[in-house]
Amino acid sequence: MRLNEITFTDAKPVEGYGPGFFRIGGDVFHGPLIIGPSGVTAWTGYEDADALLALKDTVDVLFVGTGAETAHLPSQLRRTLEEAGLGVEVMASPAACRTYNVLLSEGRRIALALIPV
C-alpha cells in the first residue's frame, strides 16, 4: 500500500518518534501526550486519569503506549478506565503508534496516550 493513498480523519497521524519525542502532523512534541479527536495535548502520565476519562464519550478505544517495552498499567488506573466504559489496549509505544495510525486511516473512533521511548 502506498502511504499517500491513506486518507486520515481530522485527527493527525503519528509520523515518527525517538528518545523523548513524537512527531505528529508535522510538529514535534516532547514528553508524554494524548492524541485524541480534539488534537494533541500534554499528559502527566499514569497519575492523570482525568485527562483519559475526558475521552470516554468521544472514542471507542484508547491505546496506551507504555514506552519502549510493554508494561502493565497501574491497577487502579485500569480499573478506573474500565469502570467508566473506556476500552483500553496497552502495548509498547512503537506498536501503539502503528496500530493507532492504521485504525485512524479507517476512520475509527480512537485515541492514543503515549509515554516516550
Protein backbone atom coordinates (compact mmCIF):
# COMPACT_ATOMS: atom_id res chain seq x y z
CA MET A 1 0.00 0.00 0.00
CA ARG A 2 1.28 3.47 -0.83
CA LEU A 3 1.03 5.75 2.19
CA ASN A 4 -0.21 8.66 0.10
CA GLU A 5 -3.37 6.66 -0.60
CA ILE A 6 -4.42 6.81 3.05
CA THR A 7 -6.93 9.49 3.98
CA PHE A 8 -6.87 10.40 7.65
CA THR A 9 -9.76 11.91 9.56
CA ASP A 10 -9.29 15.29 11.26
CA ALA A 11 -7.06 13.60 13.84
CA LYS A 12 -3.38 13.60 12.95
CA PRO A 13 -1.21 10.50 12.46
CA VAL A 14 2.00 9.77 14.33
CA GLU A 15 4.77 10.32 11.79
CA GLY A 16 7.74 9.36 13.95
CA TYR A 17 9.18 9.04 17.44
CA GLY A 18 12.51 8.91 19.20
CA PRO A 19 14.05 9.31 22.64
CA GLY A 20 11.68 11.64 24.48
CA PHE A 21 9.68 12.93 21.49
CA PHE A 22 6.91 12.22 18.97
CA ARG A 23 6.33 13.80 15.54
CA ILE A 24 2.62 14.26 14.89
CA GLY A 25 1.14 16.05 11.90
CA GLY A 26 4.46 17.73 11.15
CA ASP A 27 5.03 19.04 14.69
CA VAL A 28 7.40 17.68 17.33
CA PHE A 29 6.12 17.10 20.88
CA HIS A 30 8.27 16.21 23.88
CA GLY A 31 7.21 14.06 26.81
CA PRO A 32 4.05 12.06 27.45
CA LEU A 33 0.99 13.10 25.46
CA ILE A 34 -2.53 12.26 24.41
CA ILE A 35 -3.72 12.31 20.82
CA GLY A 36 -7.48 12.44 20.52
CA PRO A 37 -10.26 13.88 18.41
CA SER A 38 -9.56 17.38 19.73
CA GLY A 39 -5.85 17.25 18.93
CA VAL A 40 -2.61 16.69 20.82
CA THR A 41 -2.27 17.59 24.50
CA ALA A 42 0.44 17.13 27.10
CA TRP A 43 -0.16 14.35 29.61
CA THR A 44 1.43 13.99 33.02
CA GLY A 45 1.34 10.20 32.88
CA TYR A 46 -0.44 7.42 34.72
CA GLU A 47 -1.44 9.68 37.62
CA ASP A 48 -3.57 11.81 35.27
CA ALA A 49 -6.66 9.63 34.90
CA ASP A 50 -8.94 12.64 34.40
CA ALA A 51 -7.36 13.51 31.05
CA LEU A 52 -8.01 9.96 29.84
CA LEU A 53 -11.54 9.85 31.25
CA ALA A 54 -12.36 13.02 29.30
CA LEU A 55 -12.10 10.87 26.15
CA LYS A 56 -14.75 8.32 27.13
CA ASP A 57 -17.63 9.83 25.18
CA THR A 58 -15.62 10.59 22.04
CA VAL A 59 -13.68 7.36 21.44
CA ASP A 60 -14.34 3.64 21.49
CA VAL A 61 -10.79 2.54 22.29
CA LEU A 62 -7.83 4.18 23.99
CA PHE A 63 -4.41 2.82 23.10
CA VAL A 64 -1.78 3.35 25.78
CA GLY A 65 1.85 3.24 24.71
CA THR A 66 3.96 2.36 27.75
CA GLY A 67 7.37 3.37 26.37
CA ALA A 68 9.99 1.16 24.78
CA GLU A 69 8.61 -2.00 26.41
CA THR A 70 5.10 -3.21 27.13
CA ALA A 71 4.22 -2.68 30.79
CA HIS A 72 1.09 -3.11 32.86
CA LEU A 73 -0.98 -0.05 33.68
CA PRO A 74 -1.27 0.66 37.39
CA SER A 75 -4.20 -1.47 38.54
CA GLN A 76 -6.18 1.48 39.91
CA LEU A 77 -5.88 3.37 36.60
CA ARG A 78 -7.00 0.35 34.58
CA ARG A 79 -9.93 -0.24 36.93
CA THR A 80 -10.98 3.44 36.75
CA LEU A 81 -10.91 3.47 32.94
CA GLU A 82 -12.77 0.18 32.60
CA GLU A 83 -15.43 1.19 35.13
CA ALA A 84 -16.01 4.34 33.05
CA GLY A 85 -16.62 2.14 30.00
CA LEU A 86 -13.48 3.18 28.15
CA GLY A 87 -11.90 0.33 26.21
CA VAL A 88 -8.14 0.23 26.85
CA GLU A 89 -5.41 -1.57 24.92
CA VAL A 90 -1.88 -1.45 26.33
CA MET A 91 1.28 -2.01 24.29
CA ALA A 92 4.76 -0.60 23.75
CA SER A 93 4.67 2.94 22.33
CA PRO A 94 6.06 1.99 18.88
CA ALA A 95 3.34 -0.66 18.43
CA ALA A 96 0.69 1.71 19.79
CA CYS A 97 1.69 4.37 17.24
CA ARG A 98 1.48 1.91 14.34
CA THR A 99 -1.86 0.49 15.49
CA TYR A 100 -3.27 3.97 16.03
CA ASN A 101 -2.26 5.06 12.51
CA VAL A 102 -3.86 2.02 10.88
CA LEU A 103 -7.15 2.41 12.73
CA LEU A 104 -7.10 6.18 12.22
CA SER A 105 -6.83 5.59 8.47
CA GLU A 106 -10.01 3.50 8.74
CA GLY A 107 -11.84 6.40 10.37
CA ARG A 108 -12.21 4.63 13.74
CA ARG A 109 -13.01 6.50 16.98
CA ILE A 110 -9.72 6.07 18.80
CA ALA A 111 -7.25 7.95 20.98
CA LEU A 112 -3.66 7.39 21.97
CA ALA A 113 -1.86 8.08 25.25
CA LEU A 114 1.90 7.82 24.93
CA ILE A 115 4.93 7.54 27.17
CA PRO A 116 8.09 8.31 25.15
CA VAL A 117 10.61 5.61 24.27
